[in-house]
Amino acid sequence: MRYQVTPAGLSAIKLSQSDTISSVLQNIAILLATRQGTVPLYREFGLPMRFLDQPIHIAKPMIVSEVKEAIETFEPRATFLRVLFDEDASTPGRLIPTVEVEIHE
């Protein structure tokens, strides 16, 4: 089954999720919201965010690449499918990625 995740979809973190789907979606949301190098003792976790301050036409493929690699590395229970982009009307140039994944139960 396919699911969509956004970094904004992260509300309250629940530890020890018993539901696999909820656990995977929460992990991906945390991954999308975390800048690589900011987690003590786990510096490689997160996105490198090399796409920051790039023109939109360059940032989009960079985001797709970084998200795909991060999901493959840190959440093996999910398969990356694609990234859809919305632009924040109140903040020109701000992209809001929505990641579509398939979860292996």
N, C-alpha and C. Protein backbone atom coordinates (compact mmCIF):
# COMPACT_ATOMS: atom_id res chain seq x y z
N MET A 1 0.83 -1.18 0.00
CA MET A 1 0.00 0.00 0.00
C MET A 1 0.88 1.25 0.00
N ARG A 2 0.44 2.29 -0.65
CA ARG A 2 1.21 3.53 -0.75
C ARG A 2 0.76 4.53 0.31
N TYR A 3 1.75 5.25 0.83
CA TYR A 3 1.48 6.27 1.86
C TYR A 3 2.24 7.53 1.51
N GLN A 4 1.72 8.66 1.95
CA GLN A 4 2.40 9.94 1.74
C GLN A 4 2.82 10.51 3.09
N VAL A 5 4.03 11.09 3.10
CA VAL A 5 4.61 11.64 4.32
C VAL A 5 5.18 13.02 4.02
N THR A 6 4.99 13.95 4.94
CA THR A 6 5.63 15.26 4.84
C THR A 6 6.35 15.53 6.15
N PRO A 7 7.39 16.37 6.11
CA PRO A 7 8.05 16.70 7.38
C PRO A 7 7.09 17.42 8.32
N ALA A 8 6.11 18.13 7.77
CA ALA A 8 5.13 18.83 8.59
C ALA A 8 4.14 17.86 9.23
N GLY A 9 4.09 16.62 8.72
CA GLY A 9 3.18 15.62 9.26
C GLY A 9 3.61 15.09 10.61
N LEU A 10 4.74 15.56 11.09
CA LEU A 10 5.27 15.12 12.37
C LEU A 10 4.66 15.98 13.47
N SER A 11 3.79 15.39 14.26
CA SER A 11 3.19 16.15 15.35
C SER A 11 3.83 15.71 16.66
N ALA A 12 3.23 14.83 17.36
CA ALA A 12 3.80 14.34 18.62
C ALA A 12 4.51 13.01 18.36
N ILE A 13 5.74 12.91 18.82
CA ILE A 13 6.51 11.68 18.64
C ILE A 13 6.05 10.67 19.68
N LYS A 14 5.76 9.46 19.21
CA LYS A 14 5.35 8.38 20.10
C LYS A 14 6.41 7.29 20.02
N LEU A 15 7.06 7.02 21.13
CA LEU A 15 8.09 6.00 21.17
C LEU A 15 7.46 4.62 21.27
N SER A 16 8.15 3.63 20.76
CA SER A 16 7.71 2.23 20.80
C SER A 16 6.34 2.03 20.17
N GLN A 17 6.20 2.51 18.94
CA GLN A 17 4.94 2.31 18.21
C GLN A 17 4.71 0.82 18.01
N SER A 18 3.53 0.34 18.28
CA SER A 18 3.23 -1.08 18.08
C SER A 18 2.76 -1.35 16.66
N ASP A 19 2.25 -0.33 15.99
CA ASP A 19 1.77 -0.45 14.62
C ASP A 19 2.93 -0.16 13.66
N THR A 20 3.24 -1.11 12.79
CA THR A 20 4.36 -0.97 11.86
C THR A 20 4.19 0.24 10.95
N ILE A 21 3.02 0.43 10.41
CA ILE A 21 2.79 1.54 9.47
C ILE A 21 3.02 2.88 10.17
N SER A 22 2.45 3.07 11.34
CA SER A 22 2.65 4.32 12.09
C SER A 22 4.12 4.54 12.41
N SER A 23 4.80 3.48 12.79
CA SER A 23 6.22 3.57 13.13
C SER A 23 7.05 4.01 11.92
N VAL A 24 6.82 3.39 10.78
CA VAL A 24 7.58 3.72 9.57
C VAL A 24 7.29 5.15 9.13
N LEU A 25 6.02 5.54 9.12
CA LEU A 25 5.67 6.90 8.69
C LEU A 25 6.26 7.95 9.64
N GLN A 26 6.24 7.68 10.94
CA GLN A 26 6.85 8.59 11.90
C GLN A 26 8.35 8.68 11.68
N ASN A 27 9.01 7.54 11.45
CA ASN A 27 10.45 7.55 11.22
C ASN A 27 10.82 8.34 9.97
N ILE A 28 10.04 8.21 8.92
CA ILE A 28 10.32 8.94 7.69
C ILE A 28 10.10 10.44 7.90
N ALA A 29 9.04 10.82 8.62
CA ALA A 29 8.79 12.23 8.90
C ALA A 29 9.95 12.83 9.71
N ILE A 30 10.45 12.08 10.69
CA ILE A 30 11.60 12.54 11.48
C ILE A 30 12.83 12.67 10.59
N LEU A 31 13.04 11.71 9.73
CA LEU A 31 14.17 11.72 8.80
C LEU A 31 14.12 12.95 7.90
N LEU A 32 12.95 13.27 7.38
CA LEU A 32 12.79 14.43 6.49
C LEU A 32 13.01 15.75 7.22
N ALA A 33 12.71 15.78 8.50
CA ALA A 33 12.82 17.02 9.28
C ALA A 33 14.19 17.21 9.93
N THR A 34 15.08 16.23 9.77
CA THR A 34 16.37 16.27 10.47
C THR A 34 17.50 16.61 9.52
N ARG A 35 18.27 17.61 9.89
CA ARG A 35 19.47 17.97 9.12
C ARG A 35 20.61 17.04 9.54
N GLN A 36 21.27 16.47 8.56
CA GLN A 36 22.39 15.56 8.83
C GLN A 36 23.45 16.28 9.65
N GLY A 37 23.97 15.57 10.67
CA GLY A 37 25.01 16.12 11.52
C GLY A 37 24.49 16.72 12.81
N THR A 38 23.16 16.74 12.99
CA THR A 38 22.60 17.38 14.19
C THR A 38 22.20 16.39 15.28
N VAL A 39 22.28 15.10 15.02
CA VAL A 39 21.91 14.10 16.03
C VAL A 39 23.19 13.59 16.69
N PRO A 40 23.39 13.89 17.97
CA PRO A 40 24.60 13.42 18.65
C PRO A 40 24.71 11.90 18.60
N LEU A 41 25.90 11.42 18.36
CA LEU A 41 26.23 10.00 18.28
C LEU A 41 25.59 9.29 17.09
N TYR A 42 24.92 10.03 16.22
CA TYR A 42 24.31 9.45 15.02
C TYR A 42 24.34 10.51 13.93
N ARG A 43 25.53 11.06 13.71
CA ARG A 43 25.70 12.23 12.84
C ARG A 43 25.29 12.02 11.39
N GLU A 44 25.31 10.76 10.92
CA GLU A 44 24.96 10.51 9.52
C GLU A 44 23.45 10.48 9.28
N PHE A 45 22.63 10.47 10.36
CA PHE A 45 21.18 10.43 10.23
C PHE A 45 20.65 11.77 9.72
N GLY A 46 19.68 11.71 8.82
CA GLY A 46 19.03 12.92 8.31
C GLY A 46 19.39 13.19 6.87
N LEU A 47 19.02 14.38 6.42
CA LEU A 47 19.30 14.81 5.05
C LEU A 47 20.49 15.76 5.04
N PRO A 48 21.41 15.62 4.06
CA PRO A 48 22.55 16.53 3.99
C PRO A 48 22.13 17.99 3.72
N MET A 49 20.99 18.15 3.09
CA MET A 49 20.42 19.48 2.79
C MET A 49 21.33 20.34 1.92
N ARG A 50 21.99 19.71 0.97
CA ARG A 50 22.79 20.46 0.01
C ARG A 50 21.92 21.29 -0.92
N PHE A 51 20.62 21.02 -0.91
CA PHE A 51 19.68 21.72 -1.78
C PHE A 51 19.32 23.12 -1.27
N LEU A 52 19.63 23.42 -0.02
CA LEU A 52 19.30 24.74 0.53
C LEU A 52 19.97 25.85 -0.28
N ASP A 53 19.23 26.90 -0.52
CA ASP A 53 19.71 28.09 -1.23
C ASP A 53 20.02 27.84 -2.70
N GLN A 54 19.55 26.73 -3.25
CA GLN A 54 19.71 26.46 -4.67
C GLN A 54 18.47 26.96 -5.41
N PRO A 55 18.59 27.30 -6.69
CA PRO A 55 17.40 27.62 -7.47
C PRO A 55 16.45 26.41 -7.49
N ILE A 56 15.16 26.67 -7.59
CA ILE A 56 14.17 25.60 -7.48
C ILE A 56 14.40 24.50 -8.49
N HIS A 57 14.76 24.84 -9.73
CA HIS A 57 14.95 23.81 -10.75
C HIS A 57 16.16 22.92 -10.45
N ILE A 58 17.07 23.37 -9.63
CA ILE A 58 18.21 22.56 -9.20
C ILE A 58 17.89 21.85 -7.89
N ALA A 59 17.17 22.52 -7.00
CA ALA A 59 16.86 21.95 -5.69
C ALA A 59 15.96 20.73 -5.77
N LYS A 60 14.98 20.75 -6.66
CA LYS A 60 14.03 19.63 -6.73
C LYS A 60 14.71 18.29 -6.96
N PRO A 61 15.55 18.14 -8.00
CA PRO A 61 16.19 16.82 -8.18
C PRO A 61 17.16 16.48 -7.04
N MET A 62 17.76 17.48 -6.42
CA MET A 62 18.65 17.22 -5.28
C MET A 62 17.85 16.68 -4.10
N ILE A 63 16.68 17.25 -3.85
CA ILE A 63 15.82 16.78 -2.77
C ILE A 63 15.42 15.33 -3.02
N VAL A 64 14.99 15.04 -4.25
CA VAL A 64 14.58 13.68 -4.59
C VAL A 64 15.72 12.70 -4.32
N SER A 65 16.91 13.05 -4.75
CA SER A 65 18.07 12.18 -4.57
C SER A 65 18.39 11.96 -3.09
N GLU A 66 18.42 13.04 -2.32
CA GLU A 66 18.75 12.94 -0.90
C GLU A 66 17.69 12.16 -0.12
N VAL A 67 16.43 12.38 -0.44
CA VAL A 67 15.35 11.68 0.25
C VAL A 67 15.38 10.20 -0.08
N LYS A 68 15.56 9.87 -1.35
CA LYS A 68 15.61 8.47 -1.76
C LYS A 68 16.75 7.74 -1.05
N GLU A 69 17.92 8.34 -1.05
CA GLU A 69 19.08 7.72 -0.41
C GLU A 69 18.87 7.56 1.11
N ALA A 70 18.30 8.57 1.74
CA ALA A 70 18.08 8.52 3.19
C ALA A 70 17.07 7.44 3.56
N ILE A 71 15.99 7.32 2.81
CA ILE A 71 14.99 6.30 3.11
C ILE A 71 15.57 4.91 2.90
N GLU A 72 16.33 4.72 1.83
CA GLU A 72 16.96 3.42 1.59
C GLU A 72 17.94 3.06 2.70
N THR A 73 18.62 4.05 3.24
CA THR A 73 19.62 3.82 4.28
C THR A 73 19.00 3.62 5.66
N PHE A 74 18.07 4.48 6.04
CA PHE A 74 17.60 4.52 7.42
C PHE A 74 16.22 3.90 7.68
N GLU A 75 15.47 3.61 6.63
CA GLU A 75 14.15 2.98 6.85
C GLU A 75 13.93 1.87 5.82
N PRO A 76 14.58 0.71 6.04
CA PRO A 76 14.50 -0.39 5.08
C PRO A 76 13.11 -1.02 4.97
N ARG A 77 12.20 -0.70 5.90
CA ARG A 77 10.85 -1.25 5.82
C ARG A 77 9.99 -0.53 4.78
N ALA A 78 10.53 0.54 4.19
CA ALA A 78 9.79 1.30 3.19
C ALA A 78 10.56 1.35 1.88
N THR A 79 9.81 1.46 0.80
CA THR A 79 10.39 1.64 -0.52
C THR A 79 10.01 3.02 -1.01
N PHE A 80 11.00 3.81 -1.38
CA PHE A 80 10.78 5.15 -1.92
C PHE A 80 10.11 5.03 -3.29
N LEU A 81 9.05 5.82 -3.52
CA LEU A 81 8.39 5.83 -4.82
C LEU A 81 8.60 7.14 -5.56
N ARG A 82 8.30 8.27 -4.89
CA ARG A 82 8.48 9.57 -5.54
C ARG A 82 8.31 10.69 -4.53
N VAL A 83 8.66 11.90 -5.00
CA VAL A 83 8.47 13.11 -4.20
C VAL A 83 7.60 14.06 -5.01
N LEU A 84 6.56 14.55 -4.40
CA LEU A 84 5.70 15.58 -4.99
C LEU A 84 6.02 16.89 -4.29
N PHE A 85 5.92 18.00 -5.00
CA PHE A 85 6.26 19.29 -4.43
C PHE A 85 5.08 20.25 -4.46
N ASP A 86 4.89 20.95 -3.35
CA ASP A 86 3.97 22.08 -3.27
C ASP A 86 4.83 23.29 -2.95
N GLU A 87 4.40 24.44 -3.44
CA GLU A 87 5.13 25.67 -3.12
C GLU A 87 4.31 26.45 -2.11
N ASP A 88 4.98 26.95 -1.09
CA ASP A 88 4.35 27.73 -0.05
C ASP A 88 4.02 29.12 -0.61
N ALA A 89 2.73 29.43 -0.74
CA ALA A 89 2.31 30.70 -1.32
C ALA A 89 2.74 31.89 -0.46
N SER A 90 2.81 31.70 0.85
CA SER A 90 3.17 32.80 1.75
C SER A 90 4.68 33.06 1.77
N THR A 91 5.48 32.09 1.32
CA THR A 91 6.93 32.24 1.29
C THR A 91 7.44 31.84 -0.09
N PRO A 92 7.61 32.80 -0.99
CA PRO A 92 8.07 32.46 -2.34
C PRO A 92 9.42 31.73 -2.31
N GLY A 93 9.52 30.67 -3.11
CA GLY A 93 10.75 29.90 -3.18
C GLY A 93 10.84 28.76 -2.19
N ARG A 94 9.87 28.63 -1.31
CA ARG A 94 9.88 27.55 -0.32
C ARG A 94 9.11 26.35 -0.88
N LEU A 95 9.80 25.22 -0.94
CA LEU A 95 9.18 23.98 -1.42
C LEU A 95 8.74 23.13 -0.23
N ILE A 96 7.60 22.48 -0.37
CA ILE A 96 7.13 21.56 0.66
C ILE A 96 7.05 20.18 0.00
N PRO A 97 8.00 19.29 0.34
CA PRO A 97 7.99 17.97 -0.29
C PRO A 97 7.00 17.02 0.38
N THR A 98 6.35 16.22 -0.42
CA THR A 98 5.51 15.13 0.07
C THR A 98 6.10 13.86 -0.53
N VAL A 99 6.53 12.96 0.34
CA VAL A 99 7.19 11.74 -0.11
C VAL A 99 6.19 10.61 -0.14
N GLU A 100 6.19 9.89 -1.24
CA GLU A 100 5.32 8.73 -1.37
C GLU A 100 6.16 7.47 -1.21
N VAL A 101 5.72 6.59 -0.32
CA VAL A 101 6.45 5.35 -0.04
C VAL A 101 5.50 4.18 -0.02
N GLU A 102 6.08 3.02 -0.16
CA GLU A 102 5.34 1.77 0.00
C GLU A 102 5.95 1.07 1.20
N ILE A 103 5.11 0.54 2.08
CA ILE A 103 5.61 -0.08 3.31
C ILE A 103 5.50 -1.59 3.22
N HIS A 104 6.59 -2.26 3.61
CA HIS A 104 6.63 -3.72 3.63
C HIS A 104 6.20 -4.18 5.02
N GLU A 105 5.10 -4.87 5.09
CA GLU A 105 4.61 -5.32 6.40
C GLU A 105 5.06 -6.73 6.71
